[in-house]
Amino acid sequence: MKVKRGEIWTCDLNPTQGGEINNGAKGNPRTVLVISHDILNNQSNTVLVLPITQGIHHRSDEGENLLVNLQGTGTETQGVIVPTQARTVSKQRLKKRVESVPGYAVEEAVEKFIATFQ
């Protein structure tokens, strides 16, 4: 399976535990942004993803300054990327490629993911 950094995919995130972002109330796969480097994506059966959600405004524990809003990026997918909920997932969890995100939004998401370690 060919997966590239900056692509949005639908992904089966279940099962989850505790406060992890899951597939949602209806159990539909959630959209995620792939942020792992293409070299790793080509050599590995796993990818590093950040979930995308539209319900984050209801949660106060995600760190609003670490979110990346997709509004205004030109993507059909709307909502916010949540770098504090990064996950390494098997490519088997990826269901369907949706679209690509502009490079500047991917870089912002990666920078905010890195900021979670500082």
PDB file of N, CA and C in Angstrom:
ATOM      1  N   MET A   1       0.845  -1.173   0.000  1.00  0.00           N
ATOM      2  CA  MET A   1       0.000   0.000   0.000  1.00  0.00           C
ATOM      3  C   MET A   1       0.896   1.244   0.000  1.00  0.00           C
ATOM      4  N   LYS A   2       0.651   2.149  -0.920  1.00  0.00           N
ATOM      5  CA  LYS A   2       1.428   3.387  -1.036  1.00  0.00           C
ATOM      6  C   LYS A   2       0.761   4.473  -0.195  1.00  0.00           C
ATOM      7  N   VAL A   3       1.485   4.961   0.793  1.00  0.00           N
ATOM      8  CA  VAL A   3       0.999   5.997   1.692  1.00  0.00           C
ATOM      9  C   VAL A   3       2.039   7.104   1.739  1.00  0.00           C
ATOM     10  N   LYS A   4       1.605   8.362   1.616  1.00  0.00           N
ATOM     11  CA  LYS A   4       2.536   9.487   1.605  1.00  0.00           C
ATOM     12  C   LYS A   4       2.244  10.459   2.735  1.00  0.00           C
ATOM     13  N   ARG A   5       3.322  11.071   3.202  1.00  0.00           N
ATOM     14  CA  ARG A   5       3.199  12.128   4.203  1.00  0.00           C
ATOM     15  C   ARG A   5       2.307  13.235   3.643  1.00  0.00           C
ATOM     16  N   GLY A   6       1.414  13.735   4.486  1.00  0.00           N
ATOM     17  CA  GLY A   6       0.529  14.814   4.069  1.00  0.00           C
ATOM     18  C   GLY A   6      -0.803  14.352   3.515  1.00  0.00           C
ATOM     19  N   GLU A   7      -0.991  13.034   3.427  1.00  0.00           N
ATOM     20  CA  GLU A   7      -2.274  12.518   2.949  1.00  0.00           C
ATOM     21  C   GLU A   7      -3.243  12.338   4.105  1.00  0.00           C
ATOM     22  N   ILE A   8      -4.511  12.570   3.800  1.00  0.00           N
ATOM     23  CA  ILE A   8      -5.578  12.262   4.738  1.00  0.00           C
ATOM     24  C   ILE A   8      -6.183  10.937   4.322  1.00  0.00           C
ATOM     25  N   TRP A   9      -6.336  10.052   5.295  1.00  0.00           N
ATOM     26  CA  TRP A   9      -6.937   8.739   5.093  1.00  0.00           C
ATOM     27  C   TRP A   9      -8.059   8.545   6.105  1.00  0.00           C
ATOM     28  N   THR A  10      -9.007   7.699   5.773  1.00  0.00           N
ATOM     29  CA  THR A  10      -9.900   7.210   6.813  1.00  0.00           C
ATOM     30  C   THR A  10      -9.178   6.044   7.474  1.00  0.00           C
ATOM     31  N   CYS A  11      -9.339   5.947   8.790  1.00  0.00           N
ATOM     32  CA  CYS A  11      -8.564   4.986   9.565  1.00  0.00           C
ATOM     33  C   CYS A  11      -9.418   4.415  10.686  1.00  0.00           C
ATOM     34  N   ASP A  12      -9.330   3.121  10.868  1.00  0.00           N
ATOM     35  CA  ASP A  12     -10.032   2.458  11.963  1.00  0.00           C
ATOM     36  C   ASP A  12      -9.160   2.558  13.213  1.00  0.00           C
ATOM     37  N   LEU A  13      -9.515   3.476  14.123  1.00  0.00           N
ATOM     38  CA  LEU A  13      -8.727   3.684  15.337  1.00  0.00           C
ATOM     39  C   LEU A  13      -9.175   2.818  16.506  1.00  0.00           C
ATOM     40  N   ASN A  14     -10.251   2.086  16.344  1.00  0.00           N
ATOM     41  CA  ASN A  14     -10.722   1.222  17.430  1.00  0.00           C
ATOM     42  C   ASN A  14      -9.974  -0.103  17.401  1.00  0.00           C
ATOM     43  N   PRO A  15      -9.699  -0.713  18.540  1.00  0.00           N
ATOM     44  CA  PRO A  15     -10.146  -0.318  19.874  1.00  0.00           C
ATOM     45  C   PRO A  15      -9.250   0.780  20.454  1.00  0.00           C
ATOM     46  N   THR A  16      -9.826   1.572  21.343  1.00  0.00           N
ATOM     47  CA  THR A  16      -9.093   2.604  22.063  1.00  0.00           C
ATOM     48  C   THR A  16      -9.306   2.396  23.557  1.00  0.00           C
ATOM     49  N   GLN A  17      -8.546   3.140  24.338  1.00  0.00           N
ATOM     50  CA  GLN A  17      -8.711   3.093  25.792  1.00  0.00           C
ATOM     51  C   GLN A  17      -8.653   4.510  26.333  1.00  0.00           C
ATOM     52  N   GLY A  18      -9.344   4.737  27.445  1.00  0.00           N
ATOM     53  CA  GLY A  18      -9.284   6.020  28.137  1.00  0.00           C
ATOM     54  C   GLY A  18      -9.661   7.188  27.247  1.00  0.00           C
ATOM     55  N   GLY A  19      -8.804   8.207  27.215  1.00  0.00           N
ATOM     56  CA  GLY A  19      -9.087   9.435  26.493  1.00  0.00           C
ATOM     57  C   GLY A  19      -8.616   9.461  25.054  1.00  0.00           C
ATOM     58  N   GLU A  20      -8.232   8.304  24.494  1.00  0.00           N
ATOM     59  CA  GLU A  20      -7.796   8.274  23.097  1.00  0.00           C
ATOM     60  C   GLU A  20      -8.966   8.582  22.168  1.00  0.00           C
ATOM     61  N   ILE A  21      -8.690   9.319  21.100  1.00  0.00           N
ATOM     62  CA  ILE A  21      -9.715   9.604  20.107  1.00  0.00           C
ATOM     63  C   ILE A  21     -10.048   8.315  19.376  1.00  0.00           C
ATOM     64  N   ASN A  22     -11.343   8.012  19.281  1.00  0.00           N
ATOM     65  CA  ASN A  22     -11.770   6.774  18.630  1.00  0.00           C
ATOM     66  C   ASN A  22     -12.470   7.068  17.307  1.00  0.00           C
ATOM     67  N   ASN A  23     -13.191   6.080  16.801  1.00  0.00           N
ATOM     68  CA  ASN A  23     -13.872   6.226  15.523  1.00  0.00           C
ATOM     69  C   ASN A  23     -15.115   7.099  15.606  1.00  0.00           C
ATOM     70  N   GLY A  24     -15.569   7.417  16.770  1.00  0.00           N
ATOM     71  CA  GLY A  24     -16.749   8.256  16.908  1.00  0.00           C
ATOM     72  C   GLY A  24     -17.978   7.443  17.240  1.00  0.00           C
ATOM     73  N   ALA A  25     -19.063   8.148  17.485  1.00  0.00           N
ATOM     74  CA  ALA A  25     -20.299   7.531  17.972  1.00  0.00           C
ATOM     75  C   ALA A  25     -20.868   6.486  17.019  1.00  0.00           C
ATOM     76  N   LYS A  26     -20.757   6.710  15.737  1.00  0.00           N
ATOM     77  CA  LYS A  26     -21.336   5.773  14.767  1.00  0.00           C
ATOM     78  C   LYS A  26     -20.371   4.663  14.376  1.00  0.00           C
ATOM     79  N   GLY A  27     -19.146   4.729  14.886  1.00  0.00           N
ATOM     80  CA  GLY A  27     -18.171   3.682  14.588  1.00  0.00           C
ATOM     81  C   GLY A  27     -17.523   3.799  13.223  1.00  0.00           C
ATOM     82  N   ASN A  28     -17.798   4.881  12.502  1.00  0.00           N
ATOM     83  CA  ASN A  28     -17.186   5.074  11.192  1.00  0.00           C
ATOM     84  C   ASN A  28     -15.695   5.383  11.347  1.00  0.00           C
ATOM     85  N   PRO A  29     -14.872   4.948  10.410  1.00  0.00           N
ATOM     86  CA  PRO A  29     -13.453   5.280  10.494  1.00  0.00           C
ATOM     87  C   PRO A  29     -13.251   6.794  10.566  1.00  0.00           C
ATOM     88  N   ARG A  30     -12.261   7.213  11.316  1.00  0.00           N
ATOM     89  CA  ARG A  30     -11.949   8.637  11.492  1.00  0.00           C
ATOM     90  C   ARG A  30     -10.925   9.061  10.448  1.00  0.00           C
ATOM     91  N   THR A  31     -10.977  10.331  10.058  1.00  0.00           N
ATOM     92  CA  THR A  31      -9.938  10.847   9.170  1.00  0.00           C
ATOM     93  C   THR A  31      -8.689  11.150   9.989  1.00  0.00           C
ATOM     94  N   VAL A  32      -7.541  10.845   9.385  1.00  0.00           N
ATOM     95  CA  VAL A  32      -6.243  11.080  10.018  1.00  0.00           C
ATOM     96  C   VAL A  32      -5.293  11.669   8.995  1.00  0.00           C
ATOM     97  N   LEU A  33      -4.301  12.401   9.490  1.00  0.00           N
ATOM     98  CA  LEU A  33      -3.248  12.945   8.648  1.00  0.00           C
ATOM     99  C   LEU A  33      -1.984  12.131   8.863  1.00  0.00           C
ATOM    100  N   VAL A  34      -1.392  11.641   7.787  1.00  0.00           N
ATOM    101  CA  VAL A  34      -0.128  10.900   7.873  1.00  0.00           C
ATOM    102  C   VAL A  34       1.009  11.910   7.978  1.00  0.00           C
ATOM    103  N   ILE A  35       1.843  11.769   9.043  1.00  0.00           N
ATOM    104  CA  ILE A  35       2.981  12.688   9.202  1.00  0.00           C
ATOM    105  C   ILE A  35       4.333  11.981   9.169  1.00  0.00           C
ATOM    106  N   SER A  36       4.346  10.662   9.137  1.00  0.00           N
ATOM    107  CA  SER A  36       5.632   9.958   9.055  1.00  0.00           C
ATOM    108  C   SER A  36       6.271  10.232   7.694  1.00  0.00           C
ATOM    109  N   HIS A  37       7.593  10.200   7.684  1.00  0.00           N
ATOM    110  CA  HIS A  37       8.366  10.510   6.475  1.00  0.00           C
ATOM    111  C   HIS A  37       8.138   9.436   5.415  1.00  0.00           C
ATOM    112  N   ASP A  38       8.159   9.838   4.159  1.00  0.00           N
ATOM    113  CA  ASP A  38       7.908   8.894   3.064  1.00  0.00           C
ATOM    114  C   ASP A  38       8.907   7.744   3.014  1.00  0.00           C
ATOM    115  N   ILE A  39      10.142   7.975   3.421  1.00  0.00           N
ATOM    116  CA  ILE A  39      11.119   6.875   3.445  1.00  0.00           C
ATOM    117  C   ILE A  39      10.620   5.785   4.385  1.00  0.00           C
ATOM    118  N   LEU A  40      10.172   6.182   5.572  1.00  0.00           N
ATOM    119  CA  LEU A  40       9.626   5.209   6.522  1.00  0.00           C
ATOM    120  C   LEU A  40       8.325   4.603   6.005  1.00  0.00           C
ATOM    121  N   ASN A  41       7.491   5.429   5.403  1.00  0.00           N
ATOM    122  CA  ASN A  41       6.216   4.938   4.878  1.00  0.00           C
ATOM    123  C   ASN A  41       6.433   3.843   3.833  1.00  0.00           C
ATOM    124  N   ASN A  42       7.489   3.964   3.052  1.00  0.00           N
ATOM    125  CA  ASN A  42       7.774   2.976   2.013  1.00  0.00           C
ATOM    126  C   ASN A  42       8.383   1.693   2.568  1.00  0.00           C
ATOM    127  N   GLN A  43       9.072   1.791   3.709  1.00  0.00           N
ATOM    128  CA  GLN A  43       9.801   0.642   4.244  1.00  0.00           C
ATOM    129  C   GLN A  43       9.081  -0.081   5.375  1.00  0.00           C
ATOM    130  N   SER A  44       8.042   0.532   5.910  1.00  0.00           N
ATOM    131  CA  SER A  44       7.412  -0.004   7.107  1.00  0.00           C
ATOM    132  C   SER A  44       5.964  -0.393   6.842  1.00  0.00           C
ATOM    133  N   ASN A  45       5.447  -1.256   7.691  1.00  0.00           N
ATOM    134  CA  ASN A  45       4.024  -1.616   7.634  1.00  0.00           C
ATOM    135  C   ASN A  45       3.180  -0.718   8.531  1.00  0.00           C
ATOM    136  N   THR A  46       3.846   0.276   9.161  1.00  0.00           N
ATOM    137  CA  THR A  46       3.129   1.204  10.032  1.00  0.00           C
ATOM    138  C   THR A  46       3.378   2.637   9.585  1.00  0.00           C
ATOM    139  N   VAL A  47       2.487   3.535   9.999  1.00  0.00           N
ATOM    140  CA  VAL A  47       2.629   4.966   9.730  1.00  0.00           C
ATOM    141  C   VAL A  47       2.258   5.739  10.995  1.00  0.00           C
ATOM    142  N   LEU A  48       2.801   6.939  11.127  1.00  0.00           N
ATOM    143  CA  LEU A  48       2.458   7.820  12.227  1.00  0.00           C
ATOM    144  C   LEU A  48       1.369   8.770  11.748  1.00  0.00           C
ATOM    145  N   VAL A  49       0.265   8.803  12.477  1.00  0.00           N
ATOM    146  CA  VAL A  49      -0.883   9.615  12.068  1.00  0.00           C
ATOM    147  C   VAL A  49      -1.343  10.525  13.203  1.00  0.00           C
ATOM    148  N   LEU A  50      -2.008  11.607  12.807  1.00  0.00           N
ATOM    149  CA  LEU A  50      -2.662  12.517  13.735  1.00  0.00           C
ATOM    150  C   LEU A  50      -4.147  12.515  13.398  1.00  0.00           C
ATOM    151  N   PRO A  51      -5.003  12.277  14.384  1.00  0.00           N
ATOM    152  CA  PRO A  51      -6.439  12.268  14.100  1.00  0.00           C
ATOM    153  C   PRO A  51      -6.959  13.667  13.785  1.00  0.00           C
ATOM    154  N   ILE A  52      -8.035  13.687  13.032  1.00  0.00           N
ATOM    155  CA  ILE A  52      -8.735  14.925  12.683  1.00  0.00           C
ATOM    156  C   ILE A  52     -10.129  14.819  13.284  1.00  0.00           C
ATOM    157  N   THR A  53     -10.551  15.872  13.953  1.00  0.00           N
ATOM    158  CA  THR A  53     -11.862  15.845  14.589  1.00  0.00           C
ATOM    159  C   THR A  53     -12.585  17.167  14.379  1.00  0.00           C
ATOM    160  N   GLN A  54     -13.897  17.100  14.430  1.00  0.00           N
ATOM    161  CA  GLN A  54     -14.710  18.313  14.364  1.00  0.00           C
ATOM    162  C   GLN A  54     -15.277  18.653  15.731  1.00  0.00           C
ATOM    163  N   GLY A  55     -15.087  17.789  16.716  1.00  0.00           N
ATOM    164  CA  GLY A  55     -15.686  17.990  18.024  1.00  0.00           C
ATOM    165  C   GLY A  55     -14.744  18.496  19.085  1.00  0.00           C
ATOM    166  N   ILE A  56     -13.566  18.955  18.710  1.00  0.00           N
ATOM    167  CA  ILE A  56     -12.560  19.320  19.700  1.00  0.00           C
ATOM    168  C   ILE A  56     -12.970  20.531  20.522  1.00  0.00           C
ATOM    169  N   HIS A  57     -13.831  21.376  19.997  1.00  0.00           N
ATOM    170  CA  HIS A  57     -14.224  22.570  20.740  1.00  0.00           C
ATOM    171  C   HIS A  57     -14.973  22.213  22.015  1.00  0.00           C
ATOM    172  N   HIS A  58     -15.412  20.969  22.140  1.00  0.00           N
ATOM    173  CA  HIS A  58     -16.094  20.516  23.344  1.00  0.00           C
ATOM    174  C   HIS A  58     -15.117  20.038  24.412  1.00  0.00           C
ATOM    175  N   ARG A  59     -13.841  19.909  24.083  1.00  0.00           N
ATOM    176  CA  ARG A  59     -12.859  19.366  25.019  1.00  0.00           C
ATOM    177  C   ARG A  59     -11.876  20.450  25.409  1.00  0.00           C
ATOM    178  N   SER A  60     -11.544  20.519  26.662  1.00  0.00           N
ATOM    179  CA  SER A  60     -10.617  21.542  27.139  1.00  0.00           C
ATOM    180  C   SER A  60      -9.219  20.985  27.403  1.00  0.00           C
ATOM    181  N   ASP A  61      -9.023  19.681  27.252  1.00  0.00           N
ATOM    182  CA  ASP A  61      -7.756  19.064  27.641  1.00  0.00           C
ATOM    183  C   ASP A  61      -6.780  18.860  26.484  1.00  0.00           C
ATOM    184  N   GLU A  62      -7.076  19.350  25.308  1.00  0.00           N
ATOM    185  CA  GLU A  62      -6.217  19.083  24.153  1.00  0.00           C
ATOM    186  C   GLU A  62      -5.156  20.155  23.925  1.00  0.00           C
ATOM    187  N   GLY A  63      -5.220  21.288  24.610  1.00  0.00           N
ATOM    188  CA  GLY A  63      -4.232  22.333  24.380  1.00  0.00           C
ATOM    189  C   GLY A  63      -4.513  23.049  23.082  1.00  0.00           C
ATOM    190  N   GLU A  64      -5.383  24.032  23.153  1.00  0.00           N
ATOM    191  CA  GLU A  64      -5.865  24.712  21.943  1.00  0.00           C
ATOM    192  C   GLU A  64      -4.733  25.236  21.070  1.00  0.00           C
ATOM    193  N   ASN A  65      -3.628  25.677  21.688  1.00  0.00           N
ATOM    194  CA  ASN A  65      -2.511  26.212  20.914  1.00  0.00           C
ATOM    195  C   ASN A  65      -1.754  25.135  20.155  1.00  0.00           C
ATOM    196  N   LEU A  66      -2.063  23.857  20.387  1.00  0.00           N
ATOM    197  CA  LEU A  66      -1.396  22.775  19.672  1.00  0.00           C
ATOM    198  C   LEU A  66      -2.261  22.189  18.562  1.00  0.00           C
ATOM    199  N   LEU A  67      -3.424  22.758  18.312  1.00  0.00           N
ATOM    200  CA  LEU A  67      -4.312  22.259  17.264  1.00  0.00           C
ATOM    201  C   LEU A  67      -3.978  22.922  15.932  1.00  0.00           C
ATOM    202  N   VAL A  68      -4.293  22.234  14.835  1.00  0.00           N
ATOM    203  CA  VAL A  68      -4.100  22.782  13.493  1.00  0.00           C
ATOM    204  C   VAL A  68      -5.452  22.777  12.798  1.00  0.00           C
ATOM    205  N   ASN A  69      -5.958  23.961  12.506  1.00  0.00           N
ATOM    206  CA  ASN A  69      -7.268  24.096  11.877  1.00  0.00           C
ATOM    207  C   ASN A  69      -7.135  23.895  10.372  1.00  0.00           C
ATOM    208  N   LEU A  70      -7.984  23.051   9.817  1.00  0.00           N
ATOM    209  CA  LEU A  70      -7.974  22.818   8.367  1.00  0.00           C
ATOM    210  C   LEU A  70      -8.774  23.865   7.599  1.00  0.00           C
ATOM    211  N   GLN A  71      -9.534  24.675   8.311  1.00  0.00           N
ATOM    212  CA  GLN A  71     -10.318  25.711   7.642  1.00  0.00           C
ATOM    213  C   GLN A  71      -9.370  26.663   6.914  1.00  0.00           C
ATOM    214  N   GLY A  72      -9.679  26.933   5.676  1.00  0.00           N
ATOM    215  CA  GLY A  72      -8.865  27.835   4.878  1.00  0.00           C
ATOM    216  C   GLY A  72      -7.703  27.174   4.158  1.00  0.00           C
ATOM    217  N   THR A  73      -7.551  25.859   4.289  1.00  0.00           N
ATOM    218  CA  THR A  73      -6.440  25.168   3.620  1.00  0.00           C
ATOM    219  C   THR A  73      -6.820  24.672   2.223  1.00  0.00           C
ATOM    220  N   GLY A  74      -8.119  24.763   1.896  1.00  0.00           N
ATOM    221  CA  GLY A  74      -8.570  24.288   0.592  1.00  0.00           C
ATOM    222  C   GLY A  74      -8.924  22.816   0.569  1.00  0.00           C
ATOM    223  N   THR A  75      -8.896  22.159   1.723  1.00  0.00           N
ATOM    224  CA  THR A  75      -9.252  20.741   1.762  1.00  0.00           C
ATOM    225  C   THR A  75     -10.757  20.586   1.941  1.00  0.00           C
ATOM    226  N   GLU A  76     -11.285  19.503   1.406  1.00  0.00           N
ATOM    227  CA  GLU A  76     -12.686  19.184   1.646  1.00  0.00           C
ATOM    228  C   GLU A  76     -12.884  18.745   3.087  1.00  0.00           C
ATOM    229  N   THR A  77     -11.882  18.056   3.635  1.00  0.00           N
ATOM    230  CA  THR A  77     -11.930  17.629   5.029  1.00  0.00           C
ATOM    231  C   THR A  77     -11.827  18.859   5.909  1.00  0.00           C
ATOM    232  N   GLN A  78     -12.767  19.017   6.820  1.00  0.00           N
ATOM    233  CA  GLN A  78     -12.746  20.143   7.754  1.00  0.00           C
ATOM    234  C   GLN A  78     -12.583  19.623   9.174  1.00  0.00           C
ATOM    235  N   GLY A  79     -12.269  20.527  10.076  1.00  0.00           N
ATOM    236  CA  GLY A  79     -12.039  20.164  11.463  1.00  0.00           C
ATOM    237  C   GLY A  79     -10.655  20.587  11.871  1.00  0.00           C
ATOM    238  N   VAL A  80     -10.143  19.963  12.934  1.00  0.00           N
ATOM    239  CA  VAL A  80      -8.806  20.287  13.421  1.00  0.00           C
ATOM    240  C   VAL A  80      -7.978  19.015  13.556  1.00  0.00           C
ATOM    241  N   ILE A  81      -6.701  19.167  13.254  1.00  0.00           N
ATOM    242  CA  ILE A  81      -5.728  18.092  13.448  1.00  0.00           C
ATOM    243  C   ILE A  81      -5.291  18.164  14.907  1.00  0.00           C
ATOM    244  N   VAL A  82      -5.182  16.997  15.554  1.00  0.00           N
ATOM    245  CA  VAL A  82      -4.896  16.944  16.987  1.00  0.00           C
ATOM    246  C   VAL A  82      -3.527  16.273  17.225  1.00  0.00           C
ATOM    247  N   PRO A  83      -2.446  17.057  17.214  1.00  0.00           N
ATOM    248  CA  PRO A  83      -1.110  16.479  17.400  1.00  0.00           C
ATOM    249  C   PRO A  83      -0.891  15.799  18.743  1.00  0.00           C
ATOM    250  N   THR A  84      -1.658  16.154  19.766  1.00  0.00           N
ATOM    251  CA  THR A  84      -1.489  15.522  21.075  1.00  0.00           C
ATOM    252  C   THR A  84      -2.041  14.105  21.122  1.00  0.00           C
ATOM    253  N   GLN A  85      -2.678  13.670  20.027  1.00  0.00           N
ATOM    254  CA  GLN A  85      -3.258  12.328  19.969  1.00  0.00           C
ATOM    255  C   GLN A  85      -2.583  11.470  18.893  1.00  0.00           C
ATOM    256  N   ALA A  86      -1.303  11.720  18.637  1.00  0.00           N
ATOM    257  CA  ALA A  86      -0.558  10.968  17.617  1.00  0.00           C
ATOM    258  C   ALA A  86      -0.592   9.472  17.910  1.00  0.00           C
ATOM    259  N   ARG A  87      -0.640   8.696  16.838  1.00  0.00           N
ATOM    260  CA  ARG A  87      -0.620   7.233  16.966  1.00  0.00           C
ATOM    261  C   ARG A  87       0.157   6.610  15.823  1.00  0.00           C
ATOM    262  N   THR A  88       0.877   5.557  16.146  1.00  0.00           N
ATOM    263  CA  THR A  88       1.462   4.719  15.107  1.00  0.00           C
ATOM    264  C   THR A  88       0.458   3.610  14.845  1.00  0.00           C
ATOM    265  N   VAL A  89       0.060   3.462  13.578  1.00  0.00           N
ATOM    266  CA  VAL A  89      -0.942   2.456  13.236  1.00  0.00           C
ATOM    267  C   VAL A  89      -0.445   1.586  12.090  1.00  0.00           C
ATOM    268  N   SER A  90      -0.937   0.384  12.057  1.00  0.00           N
ATOM    269  CA  SER A  90      -0.677  -0.507  10.937  1.00  0.00           C
ATOM    270  C   SER A  90      -1.348   0.057   9.686  1.00  0.00           C
ATOM    271  N   LYS A  91      -0.714  -0.113   8.552  1.00  0.00           N
ATOM    272  CA  LYS A  91      -1.344   0.319   7.297  1.00  0.00           C
ATOM    273  C   LYS A  91      -2.658  -0.419   7.060  1.00  0.00           C
ATOM    274  N   GLN A  92      -2.827  -1.571   7.691  1.00  0.00           N
ATOM    275  CA  GLN A  92      -4.081  -2.312   7.547  1.00  0.00           C
ATOM    276  C   GLN A  92      -5.257  -1.542   8.138  1.00  0.00           C
ATOM    277  N   ARG A  93      -4.982  -0.620   9.062  1.00  0.00           N
ATOM    278  CA  ARG A  93      -6.050   0.203   9.640  1.00  0.00           C
ATOM    279  C   ARG A  93      -6.516   1.305   8.681  1.00  0.00           C
ATOM    280  N   LEU A  94      -5.668   1.654   7.706  1.00  0.00           N
ATOM    281  CA  LEU A  94      -6.029   2.686   6.741  1.00  0.00           C
ATOM    282  C   LEU A  94      -7.021   2.113   5.742  1.00  0.00           C
ATOM    283  N   LYS A  95      -8.136   2.808   5.560  1.00  0.00           N
ATOM    284  CA  LYS A  95      -9.215   2.277   4.719  1.00  0.00           C
ATOM    285  C   LYS A  95      -9.278   2.927   3.347  1.00  0.00           C
ATOM    286  N   LYS A  96      -9.227   4.263   3.300  1.00  0.00           N
ATOM    287  CA  LYS A  96      -9.401   4.952   2.020  1.00  0.00           C
ATOM    288  C   LYS A  96      -8.644   6.272   2.035  1.00  0.00           C
ATOM    289  N   ARG A  97      -7.883   6.516   0.962  1.00  0.00           N
ATOM    290  CA  ARG A  97      -7.216   7.807   0.815  1.00  0.00           C
ATOM    291  C   ARG A  97      -8.281   8.845   0.467  1.00  0.00           C
ATOM    292  N   VAL A  98      -8.251   9.968   1.174  1.00  0.00           N
ATOM    293  CA  VAL A  98      -9.254  11.008   0.970  1.00  0.00           C
ATOM    294  C   VAL A  98      -8.704  12.133   0.106  1.00  0.00           C
ATOM    295  N   GLU A  99      -7.569  12.703   0.505  1.00  0.00           N
ATOM    296  CA  GLU A  99      -6.975  13.836  -0.204  1.00  0.00           C
ATOM    297  C   GLU A  99      -5.628  14.154   0.417  1.00  0.00           C
ATOM    298  N   SER A 100      -4.962  15.162  -0.136  1.00  0.00           N
ATOM    299  CA  SER A 100      -3.690  15.636   0.422  1.00  0.00           C
ATOM    300  C   SER A 100      -3.888  17.016   1.040  1.00  0.00           C
ATOM    301  N   VAL A 101      -3.083  17.301   2.053  1.00  0.00           N
ATOM    302  CA  VAL A 101      -3.108  18.579   2.747  1.00  0.00           C
ATOM    303  C   VAL A 101      -1.946  19.423   2.219  1.00  0.00           C
ATOM    304  N   PRO A 102      -2.135  20.739   2.080  1.00  0.00           N
ATOM    305  CA  PRO A 102      -1.017  21.594   1.650  1.00  0.00           C
ATOM    306  C   PRO A 102       0.193  21.447   2.580  1.00  0.00           C
ATOM    307  N   GLY A 103       1.381  21.557   1.996  1.00  0.00           N
ATOM    308  CA  GLY A 103       2.619  21.365   2.741  1.00  0.00           C
ATOM    309  C   GLY A 103       2.742  22.223   3.986  1.00  0.00           C
ATOM    310  N   TYR A 104       2.307  23.478   3.915  1.00  0.00           N
ATOM    311  CA  TYR A 104       2.446  24.352   5.078  1.00  0.00           C
ATOM    312  C   TYR A 104       1.618  23.854   6.261  1.00  0.00           C
ATOM    313  N   ALA A 105       0.459  23.253   5.997  1.00  0.00           N
ATOM    314  CA  ALA A 105      -0.379  22.727   7.080  1.00  0.00           C
ATOM    315  C   ALA A 105       0.239  21.458   7.668  1.00  0.00           C
ATOM    316  N   VAL A 106       0.855  20.646   6.816  1.00  0.00           N
ATOM    317  CA  VAL A 106       1.546  19.441   7.302  1.00  0.00           C
ATOM    318  C   VAL A 106       2.705  19.853   8.201  1.00  0.00           C
ATOM    319  N   GLU A 107       3.492  20.839   7.759  1.00  0.00           N
ATOM    320  CA  GLU A 107       4.629  21.293   8.557  1.00  0.00           C
ATOM    321  C   GLU A 107       4.176  21.873   9.889  1.00  0.00           C
ATOM    322  N   GLU A 108       3.063  22.616   9.882  1.00  0.00           N
ATOM    323  CA  GLU A 108       2.527  23.152  11.139  1.00  0.00           C
ATOM    324  C   GLU A 108       2.130  22.013  12.077  1.00  0.00           C
ATOM    325  N   ALA A 109       1.498  20.984  11.524  1.00  0.00           N
ATOM    326  CA  ALA A 109       1.091  19.834  12.345  1.00  0.00           C
ATOM    327  C   ALA A 109       2.310  19.120  12.923  1.00  0.00           C
ATOM    328  N   VAL A 110       3.352  18.937  12.119  1.00  0.00           N
ATOM    329  CA  VAL A 110       4.565  18.271  12.586  1.00  0.00           C
ATOM    330  C   VAL A 110       5.245  19.124  13.667  1.00  0.00           C
ATOM    331  N   GLU A 111       5.337  20.426  13.459  1.00  0.00           N
ATOM    332  CA  GLU A 111       5.941  21.324  14.455  1.00  0.00           C
ATOM    333  C   GLU A 111       5.179  21.248  15.786  1.00  0.00           C
ATOM    334  N   LYS A 112       3.859  21.215  15.714  1.00  0.00           N
ATOM    335  CA  LYS A 112       3.063  21.159  16.940  1.00  0.00           C
ATOM    336  C   LYS A 112       3.163  19.776  17.598  1.00  0.00           C
ATOM    337  N   PHE A 113       3.321  18.736  16.785  1.00  0.00           N
ATOM    338  CA  PHE A 113       3.564  17.411  17.343  1.00  0.00           C
ATOM    339  C   PHE A 113       4.888  17.413  18.099  1.00  0.00           C
ATOM    340  N   ILE A 114       5.926  17.954  17.506  1.00  0.00           N
ATOM    341  CA  ILE A 114       7.242  18.036  18.163  1.00  0.00           C
ATOM    342  C   ILE A 114       7.141  18.864  19.447  1.00  0.00           C
ATOM    343  N   ALA A 115       6.335  19.915  19.426  1.00  0.00           N
ATOM    344  CA  ALA A 115       6.180  20.785  20.596  1.00  0.00           C
ATOM    345  C   ALA A 115       5.593  20.038  21.792  1.00  0.00           C
ATOM    346  N   THR A 116       4.908  18.920  21.555  1.00  0.00           N
ATOM    347  CA  THR A 116       4.352  18.166  22.682  1.00  0.00           C
ATOM    348  C   THR A 116       5.460  17.529  23.524  1.00  0.00           C
ATOM    349  N   PHE A 117       6.682  17.486  23.006  1.00  0.00           N
ATOM    350  CA  PHE A 117       7.811  16.893  23.737  1.00  0.00           C
ATOM    351  C   PHE A 117       8.647  17.949  24.460  1.00  0.00           C
ATOM    352  N   GLN A 118       8.312  19.203  24.265  1.00  0.00           N
ATOM    353  CA  GLN A 118       9.148  20.271  24.834  1.00  0.00           C
ATOM    354  C   GLN A 118       8.523  20.888  26.057  1.00  0.00           C
TER     355      GLN A 118
END
